[in-house]
Amino acid sequence: MIIKQVIGNTATLLLNGLTIDRLELEWFETTKRIQRKTTAGGMEIAIRFLREGQRLLQHDVLYMDEQKAVVVHIKPCDAIVVSPQSLLQMGTICYEIGNKHLPLFIQDDQVLIPFEEPLFRWLLASGYEPVKAERQLVNMLKSNVEPHEHNGGGTSLFTKIINLASKQ
């Protein structure tokens, strides 16, 4: 089965009476445009998204017939969990992690990052009180995966925002 687009999400689609066949994905597989996977029920799936920037979300429905629906399930993994104590701390943590070009997730007023020991130690030494926990990383901030430049050769998102704001 070749999947070229997401049909919808279980939050908006009615799946009454259908068997749910889960497609288990690691968090980092959700942004891959081309991949071959097998569902929990044994169905072979080839995902081939044509557009850049598409990403699979928790509970996305990829296939549906009269008997079953193939639904995305993002597997839990080891993560660094930081619970910022203020808006300033939230901004600082997100800036520092984003500046390292690491994937960043915001869920339930917490900052989540896939676990890396050096980053965990850095956050601990910086006084942010990180915790290692198993979590589903489902709400990735899009800004981490957009291409951008630091050498002035292109127009960054920040520059575009400043240019828009200065015209008003």
C-alpha atoms as a PDB file:
ATOM      1  CA  MET A   1       0.000   0.000   0.000  1.00  0.00           C
ATOM      2  CA  ILE A   2       1.449   3.401  -0.997  1.00  0.00           C
ATOM      3  CA  ILE A   3       0.397   6.337   1.175  1.00  0.00           C
ATOM      4  CA  LYS A   4       0.745   9.768  -0.452  1.00  0.00           C
ATOM      5  CA  GLN A   5      -1.246  11.822   2.051  1.00  0.00           C
ATOM      6  CA  VAL A   6      -2.923  11.721   5.432  1.00  0.00           C
ATOM      7  CA  ILE A   7      -6.687  11.047   5.273  1.00  0.00           C
ATOM      8  CA  GLY A   8      -7.391  12.806   8.564  1.00  0.00           C
ATOM      9  CA  ASN A   9      -7.041  12.335  12.293  1.00  0.00           C
ATOM     10  CA  THR A  10      -9.053  10.281  14.784  1.00  0.00           C
ATOM     11  CA  ALA A  11     -10.033  13.572  16.450  1.00  0.00           C
ATOM     12  CA  THR A  12     -12.091  14.487  13.371  1.00  0.00           C
ATOM     13  CA  LEU A  13     -12.833  11.191  11.603  1.00  0.00           C
ATOM     14  CA  LEU A  14     -15.441   8.707  12.785  1.00  0.00           C
ATOM     15  CA  LEU A  15     -13.969   5.211  13.000  1.00  0.00           C
ATOM     16  CA  ASN A  16     -17.010   3.515  14.534  1.00  0.00           C
ATOM     17  CA  GLY A  17     -16.695  -0.251  14.361  1.00  0.00           C
ATOM     18  CA  LEU A  18     -13.398  -0.230  12.448  1.00  0.00           C
ATOM     19  CA  THR A  19     -10.436  -2.243  13.631  1.00  0.00           C
ATOM     20  CA  ILE A  20      -7.511   0.058  14.435  1.00  0.00           C
ATOM     21  CA  ASP A  21      -4.219  -1.153  12.947  1.00  0.00           C
ATOM     22  CA  ARG A  22      -1.456   0.892  14.560  1.00  0.00           C
ATOM     23  CA  LEU A  23       1.560   2.110  12.650  1.00  0.00           C
ATOM     24  CA  GLU A  24       4.215   2.438  15.348  1.00  0.00           C
ATOM     25  CA  LEU A  25       6.722   5.235  14.663  1.00  0.00           C
ATOM     26  CA  GLU A  26       9.659   6.718  16.527  1.00  0.00           C
ATOM     27  CA  TRP A  27       9.391  10.511  16.968  1.00  0.00           C
ATOM     28  CA  PHE A  28      12.139  11.134  14.379  1.00  0.00           C
ATOM     29  CA  GLU A  29      10.329   9.036  11.743  1.00  0.00           C
ATOM     30  CA  THR A  30       7.351  11.413  11.711  1.00  0.00           C
ATOM     31  CA  THR A  31       9.189  13.914   9.493  1.00  0.00           C
ATOM     32  CA  LYS A  32      10.523  11.420   6.939  1.00  0.00           C
ATOM     33  CA  ARG A  33       8.938  11.868   3.523  1.00  0.00           C
ATOM     34  CA  ILE A  34       9.777   8.391   2.225  1.00  0.00           C
ATOM     35  CA  GLN A  35       9.780   5.204   4.297  1.00  0.00           C
ATOM     36  CA  ARG A  36       8.613   1.601   4.360  1.00  0.00           C
ATOM     37  CA  LYS A  37       6.941   0.280   7.484  1.00  0.00           C
ATOM     38  CA  THR A  38       4.774  -2.613   8.653  1.00  0.00           C
ATOM     39  CA  THR A  39       1.721  -2.021  10.842  1.00  0.00           C
ATOM     40  CA  ALA A  40       1.040  -3.967  14.044  1.00  0.00           C
ATOM     41  CA  GLY A  41      -1.455  -6.034  12.017  1.00  0.00           C
ATOM     42  CA  GLY A  42       1.165  -6.938   9.392  1.00  0.00           C
ATOM     43  CA  MET A  43       0.141  -4.561   6.587  1.00  0.00           C
ATOM     44  CA  GLU A  44       3.104  -3.295   4.559  1.00  0.00           C
ATOM     45  CA  ILE A  45       3.004   0.441   3.937  1.00  0.00           C
ATOM     46  CA  ALA A  46       5.170   2.704   1.815  1.00  0.00           C
ATOM     47  CA  ILE A  47       4.893   6.367   2.714  1.00  0.00           C
ATOM     48  CA  ARG A  48       5.773   8.723  -0.113  1.00  0.00           C
ATOM     49  CA  PHE A  49       4.952  12.355   0.637  1.00  0.00           C
ATOM     50  CA  LEU A  50       5.676  14.677  -2.272  1.00  0.00           C
ATOM     51  CA  ARG A  51       5.690  18.010  -0.439  1.00  0.00           C
ATOM     52  CA  GLU A  52       8.481  19.061   1.887  1.00  0.00           C
ATOM     53  CA  GLY A  53       7.623  19.879   5.471  1.00  0.00           C
ATOM     54  CA  GLN A  54       4.869  17.276   5.840  1.00  0.00           C
ATOM     55  CA  ARG A  55       4.910  15.445   9.112  1.00  0.00           C
ATOM     56  CA  LEU A  56       2.870  12.660  10.640  1.00  0.00           C
ATOM     57  CA  LEU A  57       1.029  13.433  13.859  1.00  0.00           C
ATOM     58  CA  GLN A  58      -0.231  11.217  16.661  1.00  0.00           C
ATOM     59  CA  HIS A  59      -3.540   9.573  15.595  1.00  0.00           C
ATOM     60  CA  ASP A  60      -3.236  10.482  11.897  1.00  0.00           C
ATOM     61  CA  VAL A  61      -5.256   8.093   9.730  1.00  0.00           C
ATOM     62  CA  LEU A  62      -3.253   6.867   6.727  1.00  0.00           C
ATOM     63  CA  TYR A  63      -5.603   4.246   5.304  1.00  0.00           C
ATOM     64  CA  MET A  64      -9.216   3.288   5.799  1.00  0.00           C
ATOM     65  CA  ASP A  65     -11.545   0.691   4.304  1.00  0.00           C
ATOM     66  CA  GLU A  66     -14.765  -0.999   5.463  1.00  0.00           C
ATOM     67  CA  GLN A  67     -12.978  -3.107   8.098  1.00  0.00           C
ATOM     68  CA  LYS A  68      -9.938  -1.247   9.362  1.00  0.00           C
ATOM     69  CA  ALA A  69      -8.079   2.024   9.702  1.00  0.00           C
ATOM     70  CA  VAL A  70      -4.304   2.433   9.851  1.00  0.00           C
ATOM     71  CA  VAL A  71      -3.542   4.985  12.572  1.00  0.00           C
ATOM     72  CA  VAL A  72      -0.188   6.552  13.533  1.00  0.00           C
ATOM     73  CA  HIS A  73       1.059   5.868  17.057  1.00  0.00           C
ATOM     74  CA  ILE A  74       4.254   7.605  18.189  1.00  0.00           C
ATOM     75  CA  LYS A  75       6.280   5.389  20.522  1.00  0.00           C
ATOM     76  CA  PRO A  76       7.388   6.748  23.900  1.00  0.00           C
ATOM     77  CA  CYS A  77      11.136   7.280  24.323  1.00  0.00           C
ATOM     78  CA  ASP A  78      13.614   8.615  26.852  1.00  0.00           C
ATOM     79  CA  ALA A  79      13.309  12.389  27.036  1.00  0.00           C
ATOM     80  CA  ILE A  80      14.628  15.329  28.970  1.00  0.00           C
ATOM     81  CA  VAL A  81      11.720  17.083  30.688  1.00  0.00           C
ATOM     82  CA  VAL A  82      12.117  20.653  31.891  1.00  0.00           C
ATOM     83  CA  SER A  83       9.341  22.497  33.715  1.00  0.00           C
ATOM     84  CA  PRO A  84      10.172  26.207  33.392  1.00  0.00           C
ATOM     85  CA  GLN A  85       9.312  28.303  36.441  1.00  0.00           C
ATOM     86  CA  SER A  86       8.714  31.533  34.484  1.00  0.00           C
ATOM     87  CA  LEU A  87       8.129  32.841  30.980  1.00  0.00           C
ATOM     88  CA  LEU A  88      11.706  34.157  30.956  1.00  0.00           C
ATOM     89  CA  GLN A  89      13.038  30.698  31.834  1.00  0.00           C
ATOM     90  CA  MET A  90      10.839  29.123  29.119  1.00  0.00           C
ATOM     91  CA  GLY A  91      12.156  31.541  26.516  1.00  0.00           C
ATOM     92  CA  THR A  92      15.769  31.083  27.592  1.00  0.00           C
ATOM     93  CA  ILE A  93      15.564  27.288  27.569  1.00  0.00           C
ATOM     94  CA  CYS A  94      13.885  27.215  24.150  1.00  0.00           C
ATOM     95  CA  TYR A  95      16.387  29.700  22.722  1.00  0.00           C
ATOM     96  CA  GLU A  96      19.410  27.793  24.020  1.00  0.00           C
ATOM     97  CA  ILE A  97      18.141  24.422  22.804  1.00  0.00           C
ATOM     98  CA  GLY A  98      16.969  25.830  19.460  1.00  0.00           C
ATOM     99  CA  ASN A  99      20.331  27.497  18.979  1.00  0.00           C
ATOM    100  CA  LYS A 100      21.886  24.017  19.175  1.00  0.00           C
ATOM    101  CA  HIS A 101      19.532  22.933  16.348  1.00  0.00           C
ATOM    102  CA  LEU A 102      18.013  20.175  18.466  1.00  0.00           C
ATOM    103  CA  PRO A 103      14.393  19.059  18.144  1.00  0.00           C
ATOM    104  CA  LEU A 104      12.182  20.667  20.747  1.00  0.00           C
ATOM    105  CA  PHE A 105       8.716  19.718  21.961  1.00  0.00           C
ATOM    106  CA  ILE A 106       6.298  21.751  24.095  1.00  0.00           C
ATOM    107  CA  GLN A 107       3.679  19.671  25.904  1.00  0.00           C
ATOM    108  CA  ASP A 108       1.654  20.371  29.051  1.00  0.00           C
ATOM    109  CA  ASP A 109       3.675  23.524  29.910  1.00  0.00           C
ATOM    110  CA  GLN A 110       6.892  21.509  29.767  1.00  0.00           C
ATOM    111  CA  VAL A 111       9.835  21.532  27.393  1.00  0.00           C
ATOM    112  CA  LEU A 112      10.750  18.072  26.103  1.00  0.00           C
ATOM    113  CA  ILE A 113      13.896  17.093  24.233  1.00  0.00           C
ATOM    114  CA  PRO A 114      14.975  13.626  23.078  1.00  0.00           C
ATOM    115  CA  PHE A 115      17.402  12.415  25.742  1.00  0.00           C
ATOM    116  CA  GLU A 116      21.079  13.231  25.279  1.00  0.00           C
ATOM    117  CA  GLU A 117      23.398  12.921  28.272  1.00  0.00           C
ATOM    118  CA  PRO A 118      25.573  16.006  27.478  1.00  0.00           C
ATOM    119  CA  LEU A 119      22.495  18.234  27.114  1.00  0.00           C
ATOM    120  CA  PHE A 120      20.986  16.792  30.286  1.00  0.00           C
ATOM    121  CA  ARG A 121      24.191  17.620  32.208  1.00  0.00           C
ATOM    122  CA  TRP A 122      24.323  21.128  30.698  1.00  0.00           C
ATOM    123  CA  LEU A 123      20.705  21.834  31.714  1.00  0.00           C
ATOM    124  CA  LEU A 124      21.418  20.484  35.202  1.00  0.00           C
ATOM    125  CA  ALA A 125      24.559  22.637  35.566  1.00  0.00           C
ATOM    126  CA  SER A 126      22.581  25.677  34.341  1.00  0.00           C
ATOM    127  CA  GLY A 127      20.051  25.217  37.144  1.00  0.00           C
ATOM    128  CA  TYR A 128      17.013  24.194  35.071  1.00  0.00           C
ATOM    129  CA  GLU A 129      16.286  20.991  37.049  1.00  0.00           C
ATOM    130  CA  PRO A 130      15.790  18.599  34.106  1.00  0.00           C
ATOM    131  CA  VAL A 131      14.275  15.157  34.643  1.00  0.00           C
ATOM    132  CA  LYS A 132      14.827  12.037  32.550  1.00  0.00           C
ATOM    133  CA  ALA A 133      11.469  10.380  31.784  1.00  0.00           C
ATOM    134  CA  GLU A 134       9.806   8.203  29.179  1.00  0.00           C
ATOM    135  CA  ARG A 135       7.448  10.359  27.101  1.00  0.00           C
ATOM    136  CA  GLN A 136       5.687  10.464  23.769  1.00  0.00           C
ATOM    137  CA  LEU A 137       7.229  13.304  21.784  1.00  0.00           C
ATOM    138  CA  VAL A 138       4.222  14.402  19.754  1.00  0.00           C
ATOM    139  CA  ASN A 139       4.240  18.209  19.533  1.00  0.00           C
ATOM    140  CA  MET A 140       7.487  19.173  17.781  1.00  0.00           C
ATOM    141  CA  LEU A 141       8.024  22.861  17.217  1.00  0.00           C
ATOM    142  CA  LYS A 142       8.210  23.414  13.485  1.00  0.00           C
ATOM    143  CA  SER A 143      10.954  26.016  13.706  1.00  0.00           C
ATOM    144  CA  ASN A 144      13.510  23.293  14.463  1.00  0.00           C
ATOM    145  CA  VAL A 145      13.189  21.586  11.112  1.00  0.00           C
ATOM    146  CA  GLU A 146      12.961  24.561   8.761  1.00  0.00           C
ATOM    147  CA  PRO A 147      16.145  25.228   6.787  1.00  0.00           C
ATOM    148  CA  HIS A 148      17.820  28.541   7.557  1.00  0.00           C
ATOM    149  CA  GLU A 149      21.218  30.186   7.287  1.00  0.00           C
ATOM    150  CA  HIS A 150      23.551  31.933   9.682  1.00  0.00           C
ATOM    151  CA  ASN A 151      25.960  33.360   7.105  1.00  0.00           C
ATOM    152  CA  GLY A 152      23.778  36.176   5.751  1.00  0.00           C
ATOM    153  CA  GLY A 153      23.392  34.468   2.373  1.00  0.00           C
ATOM    154  CA  GLY A 154      19.646  34.018   2.787  1.00  0.00           C
ATOM    155  CA  THR A 155      16.768  35.743   4.461  1.00  0.00           C
ATOM    156  CA  SER A 156      16.041  34.250   7.852  1.00  0.00           C
ATOM    157  CA  LEU A 157      12.598  34.012   9.419  1.00  0.00           C
ATOM    158  CA  PHE A 158      13.700  36.590  11.993  1.00  0.00           C
ATOM    159  CA  THR A 159      14.714  39.031   9.225  1.00  0.00           C
ATOM    160  CA  LYS A 160      11.388  38.523   7.461  1.00  0.00           C
ATOM    161  CA  ILE A 161       9.494  39.273  10.682  1.00  0.00           C
ATOM    162  CA  ILE A 162      11.559  42.410  11.338  1.00  0.00           C
ATOM    163  CA  ASN A 163      10.995  43.583   7.748  1.00  0.00           C
ATOM    164  CA  LEU A 164       7.238  43.031   8.046  1.00  0.00           C
ATOM    165  CA  ALA A 165       7.062  44.828  11.388  1.00  0.00           C
ATOM    166  CA  SER A 166       9.086  47.817  10.164  1.00  0.00           C
ATOM    167  CA  LYS A 167       6.695  48.429   7.222  1.00  0.00           C
ATOM    168  CA  GLN A 168       3.773  49.186   9.561  1.00  0.00           C
END
